[in-house]
């Protein structure tokens, strides 16, 4: 039996997680350059730097949170300017586990997430 198509209007926001190596000054510098470029061009919310794994994320990263209306310009910007960094791009639909796995797109290497930390639904 085929599942009904999901309506993209379920997406309330987008997150991009930019991964870097905190022990490599060049990696962190590339992450900072990308962060500054996004902040200068987009009305996105820049999350804190996390030099250690947090939540489902396997390594150091920061989050960029943005409205669905920015996807068409911000996602391609990340694709073209990630400077070799890995980026996890996922929607926010109220289903964190699905959003980070089934609905996610990776720019660069696919990293193993700790999905056991993610609830199936918010709340």
PDB file of N, CA and C in Angstrom:
ATOM      1  N   UNK A   1       0.835  -1.170   0.000  1.00  0.00           N
ATOM      2  CA  UNK A   1       0.000   0.000   0.000  1.00  0.00           C
ATOM      3  C   UNK A   1       0.889   1.246   0.000  1.00  0.00           C
ATOM      4  N   UNK A   2       0.597   2.190  -0.843  1.00  0.00           N
ATOM      5  CA  UNK A   2       1.386   3.403  -0.967  1.00  0.00           C
ATOM      6  C   UNK A   2       0.921   4.456   0.039  1.00  0.00           C
ATOM      7  N   UNK A   3       1.911   5.076   0.681  1.00  0.00           N
ATOM      8  CA  UNK A   3       1.614   6.130   1.651  1.00  0.00           C
ATOM      9  C   UNK A   3       1.223   7.407   0.906  1.00  0.00           C
ATOM     10  N   UNK A   4       0.301   8.151   1.481  1.00  0.00           N
ATOM     11  CA  UNK A   4      -0.124   9.414   0.876  1.00  0.00           C
ATOM     12  C   UNK A   4       1.040  10.403   0.873  1.00  0.00           C
ATOM     13  N   UNK A   5       1.093  11.213  -0.164  1.00  0.00           N
ATOM     14  CA  UNK A   5       2.149  12.222  -0.271  1.00  0.00           C
ATOM     15  C   UNK A   5       2.038  13.231   0.867  1.00  0.00           C
ATOM     16  N   UNK A   6       3.191  13.627   1.395  1.00  0.00           N
ATOM     17  CA  UNK A   6       3.226  14.626   2.470  1.00  0.00           C
ATOM     18  C   UNK A   6       3.220  16.018   1.850  1.00  0.00           C
ATOM     19  N   UNK A   7       2.481  16.903   2.444  1.00  0.00           N
ATOM     20  CA  UNK A   7       2.368  18.269   1.951  1.00  0.00           C
ATOM     21  C   UNK A   7       3.526  19.108   2.492  1.00  0.00           C
ATOM     22  N   UNK A   8       4.306  19.767   1.627  1.00  0.00           N
ATOM     23  CA  UNK A   8       5.410  20.600   2.105  1.00  0.00           C
ATOM     24  C   UNK A   8       4.989  21.724   3.047  1.00  0.00           C
ATOM     25  N   UNK A   9       3.702  22.030   3.107  1.00  0.00           N
ATOM     26  CA  UNK A   9       3.259  23.063   4.051  1.00  0.00           C
ATOM     27  C   UNK A   9       3.442  22.602   5.501  1.00  0.00           C
ATOM     28  N   UNK A  10       3.737  21.332   5.716  1.00  0.00           N
ATOM     29  CA  UNK A  10       4.050  20.828   7.055  1.00  0.00           C
ATOM     30  C   UNK A  10       5.363  21.408   7.579  1.00  0.00           C
ATOM     31  N   UNK A  11       6.203  21.918   6.697  1.00  0.00           N
ATOM     32  CA  UNK A  11       7.518  22.428   7.080  1.00  0.00           C
ATOM     33  C   UNK A  11       7.359  23.825   7.681  1.00  0.00           C
ATOM     34  N   UNK A  12       7.655  23.931   8.972  1.00  0.00           N
ATOM     35  CA  UNK A  12       7.535  25.218   9.662  1.00  0.00           C
ATOM     36  C   UNK A  12       8.834  26.014   9.611  1.00  0.00           C
ATOM     37  N   UNK A  13       9.955  25.319   9.426  1.00  0.00           N
ATOM     38  CA  UNK A  13      11.271  25.965   9.378  1.00  0.00           C
ATOM     39  C   UNK A  13      12.273  24.962   8.811  1.00  0.00           C
ATOM     40  N   UNK A  14      13.475  25.450   8.581  1.00  0.00           N
ATOM     41  CA  UNK A  14      14.588  24.613   8.130  1.00  0.00           C
ATOM     42  C   UNK A  14      15.760  24.808   9.068  1.00  0.00           C
ATOM     43  N   UNK A  15      16.565  23.754   9.210  1.00  0.00           N
ATOM     44  CA  UNK A  15      17.831  23.835   9.939  1.00  0.00           C
ATOM     45  C   UNK A  15      18.949  23.355   9.024  1.00  0.00           C
ATOM     46  N   UNK A  16      20.052  24.050   9.082  1.00  0.00           N
ATOM     47  CA  UNK A  16      21.291  23.586   8.461  1.00  0.00           C
ATOM     48  C   UNK A  16      22.309  23.453   9.590  1.00  0.00           C
ATOM     49  N   UNK A  17      22.930  22.305   9.695  1.00  0.00           N
ATOM     50  CA  UNK A  17      23.968  22.069  10.697  1.00  0.00           C
ATOM     51  C   UNK A  17      25.290  22.015   9.955  1.00  0.00           C
ATOM     52  N   UNK A  18      26.172  22.934  10.272  1.00  0.00           N
ATOM     53  CA  UNK A  18      27.476  23.032   9.618  1.00  0.00           C
ATOM     54  C   UNK A  18      28.504  22.384  10.541  1.00  0.00           C
ATOM     55  N   UNK A  19      29.129  21.305  10.052  1.00  0.00           N
ATOM     56  CA  UNK A  19      30.109  20.554  10.839  1.00  0.00           C
ATOM     57  C   UNK A  19      31.520  21.032  10.517  1.00  0.00           C
ATOM     58  N   UNK A  20      32.368  21.048  11.529  1.00  0.00           N
ATOM     59  CA  UNK A  20      33.759  21.460  11.376  1.00  0.00           C
ATOM     60  C   UNK A  20      34.600  20.683  12.382  1.00  0.00           C
ATOM     61  N   UNK A  21      35.900  20.747  12.219  1.00  0.00           N
ATOM     62  CA  UNK A  21      36.819  20.093  13.146  1.00  0.00           C
ATOM     63  C   UNK A  21      37.381  21.159  14.087  1.00  0.00           C
ATOM     64  N   UNK A  22      37.006  21.146  15.367  1.00  0.00           N
ATOM     65  CA  UNK A  22      37.456  22.194  16.291  1.00  0.00           C
ATOM     66  C   UNK A  22      38.964  22.163  16.558  1.00  0.00           C
ATOM     67  N   UNK A  23      39.620  21.044  16.233  1.00  0.00           N
ATOM     68  CA  UNK A  23      41.067  20.929  16.445  1.00  0.00           C
ATOM     69  C   UNK A  23      41.862  21.411  15.235  1.00  0.00           C
ATOM     70  N   UNK A  24      41.160  21.695  14.146  1.00  0.00           N
ATOM     71  CA  UNK A  24      41.806  22.141  12.909  1.00  0.00           C
ATOM     72  C   UNK A  24      41.473  23.617  12.687  1.00  0.00           C
ATOM     73  N   UNK A  25      42.428  24.499  12.922  1.00  0.00           N
ATOM     74  CA  UNK A  25      42.145  25.939  12.777  1.00  0.00           C
ATOM     75  C   UNK A  25      41.620  26.308  11.390  1.00  0.00           C
ATOM     76  N   UNK A  26      42.075  25.624  10.361  1.00  0.00           N
ATOM     77  CA  UNK A  26      41.622  25.930   8.998  1.00  0.00           C
ATOM     78  C   UNK A  26      40.158  25.529   8.807  1.00  0.00           C
ATOM     79  N   UNK A  27      39.745  24.394   9.372  1.00  0.00           N
ATOM     80  CA  UNK A  27      38.354  23.949   9.293  1.00  0.00           C
ATOM     81  C   UNK A  27      37.442  24.931  10.021  1.00  0.00           C
ATOM     82  N   UNK A  28      37.847  25.319  11.211  1.00  0.00           N
ATOM     83  CA  UNK A  28      37.037  26.278  11.977  1.00  0.00           C
ATOM     84  C   UNK A  28      36.982  27.628  11.261  1.00  0.00           C
ATOM     85  N   UNK A  29      38.065  28.044  10.633  1.00  0.00           N
ATOM     86  CA  UNK A  29      38.080  29.313   9.895  1.00  0.00           C
ATOM     87  C   UNK A  29      37.116  29.257   8.709  1.00  0.00           C
ATOM     88  N   UNK A  30      37.084  28.125   8.004  1.00  0.00           N
ATOM     89  CA  UNK A  30      36.129  27.981   6.891  1.00  0.00           C
ATOM     90  C   UNK A  30      34.703  28.026   7.406  1.00  0.00           C
ATOM     91  N   UNK A  31      34.450  27.394   8.554  1.00  0.00           N
ATOM     92  CA  UNK A  31      33.109  27.423   9.148  1.00  0.00           C
ATOM     93  C   UNK A  31      32.734  28.845   9.561  1.00  0.00           C
ATOM     94  N   UNK A  32      33.689  29.593  10.082  1.00  0.00           N
ATOM     95  CA  UNK A  32      33.425  30.982  10.488  1.00  0.00           C
ATOM     96  C   UNK A  32      33.161  31.864   9.275  1.00  0.00           C
ATOM     97  N   UNK A  33      33.899  31.652   8.201  1.00  0.00           N
ATOM     98  CA  UNK A  33      33.689  32.427   6.979  1.00  0.00           C
ATOM     99  C   UNK A  33      32.299  32.168   6.419  1.00  0.00           C
ATOM    100  N   UNK A  34      31.886  30.907   6.392  1.00  0.00           N
ATOM    101  CA  UNK A  34      30.547  30.566   5.912  1.00  0.00           C
ATOM    102  C   UNK A  34      29.489  31.181   6.824  1.00  0.00           C
ATOM    103  N   UNK A  35      29.683  31.082   8.108  1.00  0.00           N
ATOM    104  CA  UNK A  35      28.734  31.649   9.084  1.00  0.00           C
ATOM    105  C   UNK A  35      28.568  33.151   8.875  1.00  0.00           C
ATOM    106  N   UNK A  36      29.685  33.853   8.724  1.00  0.00           N
ATOM    107  CA  UNK A  36      29.638  35.300   8.518  1.00  0.00           C
ATOM    108  C   UNK A  36      28.929  35.646   7.208  1.00  0.00           C
ATOM    109  N   UNK A  37      29.192  34.870   6.167  1.00  0.00           N
ATOM    110  CA  UNK A  37      28.564  35.123   4.862  1.00  0.00           C
ATOM    111  C   UNK A  37      27.057  34.918   4.925  1.00  0.00           C
ATOM    112  N   UNK A  38      26.614  33.867   5.612  1.00  0.00           N
ATOM    113  CA  UNK A  38      25.178  33.619   5.765  1.00  0.00           C
ATOM    114  C   UNK A  38      24.546  34.739   6.584  1.00  0.00           C
ATOM    115  N   UNK A  39      25.166  35.091   7.696  1.00  0.00           N
ATOM    116  CA  UNK A  39      24.617  36.137   8.563  1.00  0.00           C
ATOM    117  C   UNK A  39      24.506  37.479   7.841  1.00  0.00           C
ATOM    118  N   UNK A  40      25.435  37.765   6.942  1.00  0.00           N
ATOM    119  CA  UNK A  40      25.431  39.036   6.221  1.00  0.00           C
ATOM    120  C   UNK A  40      24.370  39.089   5.126  1.00  0.00           C
ATOM    121  N   UNK A  41      23.941  37.930   4.627  1.00  0.00           N
ATOM    122  CA  UNK A  41      23.062  37.895   3.458  1.00  0.00           C
ATOM    123  C   UNK A  41      21.630  37.461   3.736  1.00  0.00           C
ATOM    124  N   UNK A  42      21.410  36.772   4.854  1.00  0.00           N
ATOM    125  CA  UNK A  42      20.111  36.154   5.085  1.00  0.00           C
ATOM    126  C   UNK A  42      19.573  36.485   6.472  1.00  0.00           C
ATOM    127  N   UNK A  43      18.266  36.544   6.586  1.00  0.00           N
ATOM    128  CA  UNK A  43      17.599  36.738   7.874  1.00  0.00           C
ATOM    129  C   UNK A  43      17.428  35.374   8.533  1.00  0.00           C
ATOM    130  N   UNK A  44      18.555  34.777   8.881  1.00  0.00           N
ATOM    131  CA  UNK A  44      18.568  33.461   9.515  1.00  0.00           C
ATOM    132  C   UNK A  44      19.051  33.623  10.953  1.00  0.00           C
ATOM    133  N   UNK A  45      18.667  32.670  11.798  1.00  0.00           N
ATOM    134  CA  UNK A  45      19.103  32.675  13.196  1.00  0.00           C
ATOM    135  C   UNK A  45      20.333  31.771  13.316  1.00  0.00           C
ATOM    136  N   UNK A  46      21.431  32.361  13.728  1.00  0.00           N
ATOM    137  CA  UNK A  46      22.683  31.618  13.844  1.00  0.00           C
ATOM    138  C   UNK A  46      22.788  31.032  15.250  1.00  0.00           C
ATOM    139  N   UNK A  47      22.924  29.731  15.315  1.00  0.00           N
ATOM    140  CA  UNK A  47      23.044  29.057  16.595  1.00  0.00           C
ATOM    141  C   UNK A  47      24.452  29.136  17.163  1.00  0.00           C
ATOM    142  N   UNK A  48      24.601  28.654  18.361  1.00  0.00           N
ATOM    143  CA  UNK A  48      25.887  28.663  19.059  1.00  0.00           C
ATOM    144  C   UNK A  48      26.867  27.679  18.433  1.00  0.00           C
ATOM    145  N   UNK A  49      28.147  27.966  18.618  1.00  0.00           N
ATOM    146  CA  UNK A  49      29.200  27.027  18.257  1.00  0.00           C
ATOM    147  C   UNK A  49      29.187  25.905  19.296  1.00  0.00           C
ATOM    148  N   UNK A  50      29.241  24.680  18.839  1.00  0.00           N
ATOM    149  CA  UNK A  50      29.333  23.511  19.726  1.00  0.00           C
ATOM    150  C   UNK A  50      30.585  22.742  19.332  1.00  0.00           C
ATOM    151  N   UNK A  51      31.637  22.856  20.128  1.00  0.00           N
ATOM    152  CA  UNK A  51      32.897  22.187  19.819  1.00  0.00           C
ATOM    153  C   UNK A  51      32.900  20.713  20.216  1.00  0.00           C
ATOM    154  N   UNK A  52      31.840  20.264  20.844  1.00  0.00           N
ATOM    155  CA  UNK A  52      31.691  18.851  21.212  1.00  0.00           C
ATOM    156  C   UNK A  52      30.327  18.387  20.706  1.00  0.00           C
ATOM    157  N   UNK A  53      30.169  17.090  20.499  1.00  0.00           N
ATOM    158  CA  UNK A  53      28.875  16.587  20.012  1.00  0.00           C
ATOM    159  C   UNK A  53      27.729  16.954  20.952  1.00  0.00           C
ATOM    160  N   UNK A  54      26.603  17.359  20.370  1.00  0.00           N
ATOM    161  CA  UNK A  54      25.377  17.632  21.123  1.00  0.00           C
ATOM    162  C   UNK A  54      24.218  16.959  20.408  1.00  0.00           C
ATOM    163  N   UNK A  55      23.250  16.495  21.198  1.00  0.00           N
ATOM    164  CA  UNK A  55      22.070  15.851  20.616  1.00  0.00           C
ATOM    165  C   UNK A  55      22.463  14.715  19.686  1.00  0.00           C
ATOM    166  N   UNK A  56      21.859  14.680  18.505  1.00  0.00           N
ATOM    167  CA  UNK A  56      22.148  13.584  17.589  1.00  0.00           C
ATOM    168  C   UNK A  56      23.423  13.791  16.767  1.00  0.00           C
ATOM    169  N   UNK A  57      24.064  14.943  16.932  1.00  0.00           N
ATOM    170  CA  UNK A  57      25.175  15.311  16.053  1.00  0.00           C
ATOM    171  C   UNK A  57      26.478  14.665  16.509  1.00  0.00           C
ATOM    172  N   UNK A  58      27.206  14.055  15.567  1.00  0.00           N
ATOM    173  CA  UNK A  58      28.392  13.283  15.915  1.00  0.00           C
ATOM    174  C   UNK A  58      29.661  14.095  16.122  1.00  0.00           C
ATOM    175  N   UNK A  59      29.603  15.389  15.848  1.00  0.00           N
ATOM    176  CA  UNK A  59      30.806  16.195  15.982  1.00  0.00           C
ATOM    177  C   UNK A  59      30.472  17.656  16.176  1.00  0.00           C
ATOM    178  N   UNK A  60      31.513  18.466  16.172  1.00  0.00           N
ATOM    179  CA  UNK A  60      31.369  19.900  16.357  1.00  0.00           C
ATOM    180  C   UNK A  60      30.536  20.492  15.228  1.00  0.00           C
ATOM    181  N   UNK A  61      29.674  21.452  15.584  1.00  0.00           N
ATOM    182  CA  UNK A  61      28.813  22.072  14.576  1.00  0.00           C
ATOM    183  C   UNK A  61      28.167  23.311  15.141  1.00  0.00           C
ATOM    184  N   UNK A  62      27.572  24.088  14.240  1.00  0.00           N
ATOM    185  CA  UNK A  62      26.634  25.140  14.624  1.00  0.00           C
ATOM    186  C   UNK A  62      25.422  25.006  13.726  1.00  0.00           C
ATOM    187  N   UNK A  63      24.318  25.549  14.181  1.00  0.00           N
ATOM    188  CA  UNK A  63      23.051  25.450  13.450  1.00  0.00           C
ATOM    189  C   UNK A  63      22.685  26.798  12.841  1.00  0.00           C
ATOM    190  N   UNK A  64      22.094  26.730  11.662  1.00  0.00           N
ATOM    191  CA  UNK A  64      21.486  27.887  11.031  1.00  0.00           C
ATOM    192  C   UNK A  64      20.002  27.559  10.906  1.00  0.00           C
ATOM    193  N   UNK A  65      19.151  28.342  11.544  1.00  0.00           N
ATOM    194  CA  UNK A  65      17.699  28.135  11.471  1.00  0.00           C
ATOM    195  C   UNK A  65      17.114  29.212  10.563  1.00  0.00           C
ATOM    196  N   UNK A  66      16.212  28.779   9.665  1.00  0.00           N
ATOM    197  CA  UNK A  66      15.654  29.756   8.738  1.00  0.00           C
ATOM    198  C   UNK A  66      14.251  29.381   8.291  1.00  0.00           C
ATOM    199  N   UNK A  67      13.533  30.394   7.838  1.00  0.00           N
ATOM    200  CA  UNK A  67      12.141  30.250   7.406  1.00  0.00           C
ATOM    201  C   UNK A  67      12.071  29.543   6.049  1.00  0.00           C
ATOM    202  N   UNK A  68      10.964  28.836   5.798  1.00  0.00           N
ATOM    203  CA  UNK A  68      10.800  28.143   4.515  1.00  0.00           C
ATOM    204  C   UNK A  68      10.985  29.054   3.300  1.00  0.00           C
ATOM    205  N   UNK A  69      10.630  30.331   3.443  1.00  0.00           N
ATOM    206  CA  UNK A  69      10.737  31.256   2.316  1.00  0.00           C
ATOM    207  C   UNK A  69      12.184  31.471   1.875  1.00  0.00           C
ATOM    208  N   UNK A  70      13.142  31.188   2.752  1.00  0.00           N
ATOM    209  CA  UNK A  70      14.552  31.377   2.413  1.00  0.00           C
ATOM    210  C   UNK A  70      15.194  30.157   1.751  1.00  0.00           C
ATOM    211  N   UNK A  71      14.498  29.039   1.746  1.00  0.00           N
ATOM    212  CA  UNK A  71      15.112  27.805   1.253  1.00  0.00           C
ATOM    213  C   UNK A  71      15.660  27.951  -0.165  1.00  0.00           C
ATOM    214  N   UNK A  72      14.894  28.551  -1.049  1.00  0.00           N
ATOM    215  CA  UNK A  72      15.285  28.634  -2.461  1.00  0.00           C
ATOM    216  C   UNK A  72      16.568  29.424  -2.693  1.00  0.00           C
ATOM    217  N   UNK A  73      16.941  30.277  -1.763  1.00  0.00           N
ATOM    218  CA  UNK A  73      18.185  31.027  -1.919  1.00  0.00           C
ATOM    219  C   UNK A  73      19.275  30.576  -0.944  1.00  0.00           C
ATOM    220  N   UNK A  74      18.897  30.232   0.276  1.00  0.00           N
ATOM    221  CA  UNK A  74      19.900  29.857   1.267  1.00  0.00           C
ATOM    222  C   UNK A  74      20.472  28.461   0.996  1.00  0.00           C
ATOM    223  N   UNK A  75      19.655  27.497   0.627  1.00  0.00           N
ATOM    224  CA  UNK A  75      20.174  26.148   0.360  1.00  0.00           C
ATOM    225  C   UNK A  75      21.209  26.170  -0.772  1.00  0.00           C
ATOM    226  N   UNK A  76      20.931  26.801  -1.918  1.00  0.00           N
ATOM    227  CA  UNK A  76      21.960  26.863  -2.963  1.00  0.00           C
ATOM    228  C   UNK A  76      23.209  27.633  -2.516  1.00  0.00           C
ATOM    229  N   UNK A  77      23.032  28.664  -1.687  1.00  0.00           N
ATOM    230  CA  UNK A  77      24.186  29.405  -1.167  1.00  0.00           C
ATOM    231  C   UNK A  77      25.091  28.465  -0.364  1.00  0.00           C
ATOM    232  N   UNK A  78      24.483  27.643   0.496  1.00  0.00           N
ATOM    233  CA  UNK A  78      25.260  26.678   1.268  1.00  0.00           C
ATOM    234  C   UNK A  78      25.954  25.672   0.353  1.00  0.00           C
ATOM    235  N   UNK A  79      25.250  25.206  -0.659  1.00  0.00           N
ATOM    236  CA  UNK A  79      25.835  24.247  -1.592  1.00  0.00           C
ATOM    237  C   UNK A  79      27.087  24.791  -2.265  1.00  0.00           C
ATOM    238  N   UNK A  80      27.026  26.046  -2.668  1.00  0.00           N
ATOM    239  CA  UNK A  80      28.131  26.645  -3.417  1.00  0.00           C
ATOM    240  C   UNK A  80      29.236  27.217  -2.540  1.00  0.00           C
ATOM    241  N   UNK A  81      28.964  27.420  -1.265  1.00  0.00           N
ATOM    242  CA  UNK A  81      29.920  28.114  -0.398  1.00  0.00           C
ATOM    243  C   UNK A  81      30.345  27.329   0.835  1.00  0.00           C
ATOM    244  N   UNK A  82      30.072  26.042   0.892  1.00  0.00           N
ATOM    245  CA  UNK A  82      30.380  25.270   2.099  1.00  0.00           C
ATOM    246  C   UNK A  82      31.867  24.969   2.257  1.00  0.00           C
ATOM    247  N   UNK A  83      32.654  25.265   1.230  1.00  0.00           N
ATOM    248  CA  UNK A  83      34.128  25.157   1.313  1.00  0.00           C
ATOM    249  C   UNK A  83      34.594  23.794   1.823  1.00  0.00           C
ATOM    250  N   UNK A  84      33.958  22.738   1.347  1.00  0.00           N
ATOM    251  CA  UNK A  84      34.353  21.389   1.739  1.00  0.00           C
ATOM    252  C   UNK A  84      33.801  20.919   3.070  1.00  0.00           C
ATOM    253  N   UNK A  85      33.087  21.759   3.776  1.00  0.00           N
ATOM    254  CA  UNK A  85      32.490  21.356   5.053  1.00  0.00           C
ATOM    255  C   UNK A  85      31.254  20.500   4.801  1.00  0.00           C
ATOM    256  N   UNK A  86      30.922  19.670   5.739  1.00  0.00           N
ATOM    257  CA  UNK A  86      29.701  18.879   5.670  1.00  0.00           C
ATOM    258  C   UNK A  86      28.557  19.670   6.280  1.00  0.00           C
ATOM    259  N   UNK A  87      27.404  19.638   5.609  1.00  0.00           N
ATOM    260  CA  UNK A  87      26.214  20.340   6.092  1.00  0.00           C
ATOM    261  C   UNK A  87      25.034  19.378   6.058  1.00  0.00           C
ATOM    262  N   UNK A  88      24.318  19.284   7.153  1.00  0.00           N
ATOM    263  CA  UNK A  88      23.059  18.548   7.231  1.00  0.00           C
ATOM    264  C   UNK A  88      21.944  19.574   7.095  1.00  0.00           C
ATOM    265  N   UNK A  89      21.085  19.382   6.126  1.00  0.00           N
ATOM    266  CA  UNK A  89      19.961  20.281   5.875  1.00  0.00           C
ATOM    267  C   UNK A  89      18.682  19.489   6.101  1.00  0.00           C
ATOM    268  N   UNK A  90      17.833  19.966   7.021  1.00  0.00           N
ATOM    269  CA  UNK A  90      16.604  19.216   7.287  1.00  0.00           C
ATOM    270  C   UNK A  90      15.444  20.150   7.610  1.00  0.00           C
ATOM    271  N   UNK A  91      14.223  19.697   7.318  1.00  0.00           N
ATOM    272  CA  UNK A  91      13.035  20.484   7.645  1.00  0.00           C
ATOM    273  C   UNK A  91      12.646  20.288   9.102  1.00  0.00           C
ATOM    274  N   UNK A  92      11.781  21.156   9.560  1.00  0.00           N
ATOM    275  CA  UNK A  92      11.133  21.028  10.865  1.00  0.00           C
ATOM    276  C   UNK A  92       9.653  20.768  10.589  1.00  0.00           C
ATOM    277  N   UNK A  93       9.207  19.536  10.848  1.00  0.00           N
ATOM    278  CA  UNK A  93       7.804  19.173  10.608  1.00  0.00           C
ATOM    279  C   UNK A  93       7.092  18.728  11.878  1.00  0.00           C
ATOM    280  N   UNK A  94       7.807  18.750  13.018  1.00  0.00           N
ATOM    281  CA  UNK A  94       7.226  18.234  14.245  1.00  0.00           C
ATOM    282  C   UNK A  94       7.558  16.772  14.489  1.00  0.00           C
ATOM    283  N   UNK A  95       8.377  16.186  13.604  1.00  0.00           N
ATOM    284  CA  UNK A  95       8.817  14.801  13.745  1.00  0.00           C
ATOM    285  C   UNK A  95      10.346  14.767  13.685  1.00  0.00           C
ATOM    286  N   UNK A  96      11.014  15.106  14.810  1.00  0.00           N
ATOM    287  CA  UNK A  96      12.475  15.266  14.796  1.00  0.00           C
ATOM    288  C   UNK A  96      13.257  14.082  14.233  1.00  0.00           C
ATOM    289  N   UNK A  97      12.869  12.869  14.584  1.00  0.00           N
ATOM    290  CA  UNK A  97      13.637  11.717  14.079  1.00  0.00           C
ATOM    291  C   UNK A  97      13.531  11.619  12.565  1.00  0.00           C
ATOM    292  N   UNK A  98      12.324  11.726  12.027  1.00  0.00           N
ATOM    293  CA  UNK A  98      12.152  11.682  10.571  1.00  0.00           C
ATOM    294  C   UNK A  98      12.838  12.867   9.895  1.00  0.00           C
ATOM    295  N   UNK A  99      12.747  14.041  10.516  1.00  0.00           N
ATOM    296  CA  UNK A  99      13.332  15.237   9.910  1.00  0.00           C
ATOM    297  C   UNK A  99      14.845  15.123   9.766  1.00  0.00           C
ATOM    298  N   UNK A 100      15.508  14.514  10.751  1.00  0.00           N
ATOM    299  CA  UNK A 100      16.962  14.364  10.702  1.00  0.00           C
ATOM    300  C   UNK A 100      17.416  13.158   9.882  1.00  0.00           C
ATOM    301  N   UNK A 101      16.504  12.275   9.522  1.00  0.00           N
ATOM    302  CA  UNK A 101      16.897  11.057   8.808  1.00  0.00           C
ATOM    303  C   UNK A 101      16.174  10.952   7.463  1.00  0.00           C
ATOM    304  N   UNK A 102      14.912  10.612   7.493  1.00  0.00           N
ATOM    305  CA  UNK A 102      14.160  10.379   6.258  1.00  0.00           C
ATOM    306  C   UNK A 102      14.024  11.619   5.384  1.00  0.00           C
ATOM    307  N   UNK A 103      13.916  12.794   5.990  1.00  0.00           N
ATOM    308  CA  UNK A 103      13.661  14.022   5.243  1.00  0.00           C
ATOM    309  C   UNK A 103      14.909  14.886   5.057  1.00  0.00           C
ATOM    310  N   UNK A 104      16.064  14.395   5.460  1.00  0.00           N
ATOM    311  CA  UNK A 104      17.291  15.188   5.454  1.00  0.00           C
ATOM    312  C   UNK A 104      18.025  15.104   4.125  1.00  0.00           C
ATOM    313  N   UNK A 105      18.812  16.140   3.863  1.00  0.00           N
ATOM    314  CA  UNK A 105      19.730  16.161   2.726  1.00  0.00           C
ATOM    315  C   UNK A 105      21.120  16.489   3.265  1.00  0.00           C
ATOM    316  N   UNK A 106      22.116  15.817   2.742  1.00  0.00           N
ATOM    317  CA  UNK A 106      23.494  16.041   3.163  1.00  0.00           C
ATOM    318  C   UNK A 106      24.257  16.732   2.050  1.00  0.00           C
ATOM    319  N   UNK A 107      25.022  17.734   2.412  1.00  0.00           N
ATOM    320  CA  UNK A 107      25.962  18.373   1.510  1.00  0.00           C
ATOM    321  C   UNK A 107      27.338  17.929   1.990  1.00  0.00           C
ATOM    322  N   UNK A 108      28.020  17.128   1.195  1.00  0.00           N
ATOM    323  CA  UNK A 108      29.284  16.547   1.625  1.00  0.00           C
ATOM    324  C   UNK A 108      29.055  15.165   2.202  1.00  0.00           C
ATOM    325  N   UNK A 109      29.935  14.758   3.097  1.00  0.00           N
ATOM    326  CA  UNK A 109      29.884  13.415   3.675  1.00  0.00           C
ATOM    327  C   UNK A 109      28.613  13.208   4.496  1.00  0.00           C
ATOM    328  N   UNK A 110      28.076  12.000   4.442  1.00  0.00           N
ATOM    329  CA  UNK A 110      26.944  11.627   5.292  1.00  0.00           C
ATOM    330  C   UNK A 110      27.526  11.116   6.608  1.00  0.00           C
ATOM    331  N   UNK A 111      27.173  11.776   7.688  1.00  0.00           N
ATOM    332  CA  UNK A 111      27.701  11.422   9.004  1.00  0.00           C
ATOM    333  C   UNK A 111      26.690  10.588   9.779  1.00  0.00           C
ATOM    334  N   UNK A 112      27.173   9.699  10.638  1.00  0.00           N
ATOM    335  CA  UNK A 112      26.256   8.875  11.434  1.00  0.00           C
ATOM    336  C   UNK A 112      25.656   9.675  12.593  1.00  0.00           C
ATOM    337  N   UNK A 113      24.366   9.864  12.559  1.00  0.00           N
ATOM    338  CA  UNK A 113      23.687  10.579  13.645  1.00  0.00           C
ATOM    339  C   UNK A 113      23.333   9.614  14.766  1.00  0.00           C
ATOM    340  N   UNK A 114      23.250  10.144  15.963  1.00  0.00           N
ATOM    341  CA  UNK A 114      22.814   9.357  17.124  1.00  0.00           C
ATOM    342  C   UNK A 114      21.296   9.523  17.233  1.00  0.00           C
ATOM    343  N   UNK A 115      20.583   8.787  16.417  1.00  0.00           N
ATOM    344  CA  UNK A 115      19.139   8.969  16.291  1.00  0.00           C
ATOM    345  C   UNK A 115      18.372   8.581  17.543  1.00  0.00           C
ATOM    346  N   UNK A 116      18.977   7.783  18.421  1.00  0.00           N
ATOM    347  CA  UNK A 116      18.279   7.393  19.655  1.00  0.00           C
ATOM    348  C   UNK A 116      18.008   8.604  20.536  1.00  0.00           C
ATOM    349  N   UNK A 117      18.708   9.721  20.320  1.00  0.00           N
ATOM    350  CA  UNK A 117      18.471  10.923  21.115  1.00  0.00           C
ATOM    351  C   UNK A 117      17.292  11.733  20.593  1.00  0.00           C
ATOM    352  N   UNK A 118      16.777  11.378  19.433  1.00  0.00           N
ATOM    353  CA  UNK A 118      15.705  12.152  18.806  1.00  0.00           C
ATOM    354  C   UNK A 118      14.343  11.538  19.090  1.00  0.00           C
ATOM    355  N   UNK A 119      13.397  12.343  19.579  1.00  0.00           N
ATOM    356  CA  UNK A 119      12.032  11.820  19.747  1.00  0.00           C
ATOM    357  C   UNK A 119      11.355  11.672  18.389  1.00  0.00           C
ATOM    358  N   UNK A 120      10.370  10.795  18.335  1.00  0.00           N
ATOM    359  CA  UNK A 120       9.628  10.645  17.087  1.00  0.00           C
ATOM    360  C   UNK A 120       8.771  11.873  16.807  1.00  0.00           C
ATOM    361  N   UNK A 121       8.205  12.448  17.863  1.00  0.00           N
ATOM    362  CA  UNK A 121       7.396  13.653  17.698  1.00  0.00           C
ATOM    363  C   UNK A 121       7.806  14.679  18.737  1.00  0.00           C
ATOM    364  N   UNK A 122       7.530  15.959  18.441  1.00  0.00           N
ATOM    365  CA  UNK A 122       7.808  17.021  19.406  1.00  0.00           C
ATOM    366  C   UNK A 122       6.731  17.038  20.470  1.00  0.00           C
ATOM    367  N   UNK A 123       7.106  17.520  21.629  1.00  0.00           N
ATOM    368  CA  UNK A 123       6.097  17.684  22.654  1.00  0.00           C
ATOM    369  C   UNK A 123       6.367  16.999  23.880  1.00  0.00           C
TER     370      UNK A 123
END
